[in-house]
């Protein structure tokens, strides 16, 4: 079962993916999704480029 930290990082990864895919369609929504992702990662002191490794999925 994933920990709260892993769940929050996974949410951040999903928000980042959403942000990238909707950047052209809705820039404001994309920006808000990116900011939410960054907030989740800051909570656990994880850099965006480290997010996947921080999930520690086996």
Protein backbone atom coordinates (compact mmCIF):
# COMPACT_ATOMS: atom_id res chain seq x y z
CA UNK A 1 0.00 0.00 0.00
CA UNK A 2 1.43 3.42 -0.94
CA UNK A 3 2.36 5.87 1.78
CA UNK A 4 0.86 9.37 1.97
CA UNK A 5 4.15 10.70 0.60
CA UNK A 6 4.00 8.35 -2.38
CA UNK A 7 0.36 9.24 -3.04
CA UNK A 8 1.12 12.96 -2.97
CA UNK A 9 4.09 12.53 -5.30
CA UNK A 10 1.98 10.43 -7.66
CA UNK A 11 -0.65 13.19 -7.66
CA UNK A 12 2.09 15.70 -8.49
CA UNK A 13 3.27 13.55 -11.41
CA UNK A 14 -0.30 13.26 -12.72
CA UNK A 15 -0.86 17.01 -12.39
CA UNK A 16 2.38 17.68 -14.24
CA UNK A 17 1.34 15.34 -17.04
CA UNK A 18 -2.06 17.05 -17.20
CA UNK A 19 -0.37 20.45 -17.30
CA UNK A 20 1.79 19.47 -20.26
CA UNK A 21 -1.09 18.01 -22.27
CA UNK A 22 -3.46 20.93 -21.72
CA UNK A 23 -0.97 23.79 -22.09
CA UNK A 24 -2.21 24.73 -25.56
CA UNK A 25 -5.91 24.13 -24.89
CA UNK A 26 -6.18 26.02 -21.60
CA UNK A 27 -3.03 27.82 -20.47
CA UNK A 28 -4.56 29.04 -17.19
CA UNK A 29 -5.73 25.56 -16.19
CA UNK A 30 -2.34 24.19 -17.20
CA UNK A 31 -0.58 26.78 -15.02
CA UNK A 32 -2.81 25.97 -12.05
CA UNK A 33 -2.17 22.24 -12.42
CA UNK A 34 1.58 22.89 -12.56
CA UNK A 35 1.39 25.02 -9.41
CA UNK A 36 -0.54 22.33 -7.53
CA UNK A 37 2.06 19.76 -8.61
CA UNK A 38 4.87 22.00 -7.38
CA UNK A 39 3.09 22.53 -4.04
CA UNK A 40 2.80 18.75 -3.51
CA UNK A 41 6.48 18.26 -4.29
CA UNK A 42 7.58 21.13 -2.04
CA UNK A 43 5.72 19.54 0.86
CA UNK A 44 8.10 16.57 0.65
CA UNK A 45 11.17 18.51 -0.54
CA UNK A 46 11.27 16.64 -3.85
CA UNK A 47 12.49 18.30 -7.05
CA UNK A 48 10.25 17.67 -10.09
CA UNK A 49 13.01 15.74 -11.88
CA UNK A 50 13.30 13.45 -8.81
CA UNK A 51 9.57 12.73 -8.46
CA UNK A 52 9.46 9.36 -10.22
CA UNK A 53 12.48 8.06 -8.28
CA UNK A 54 10.95 9.30 -5.02
CA UNK A 55 7.93 7.05 -5.54
CA UNK A 56 10.12 4.04 -4.75
CA UNK A 57 7.81 1.70 -6.67
CA UNK A 58 9.07 -1.86 -6.83
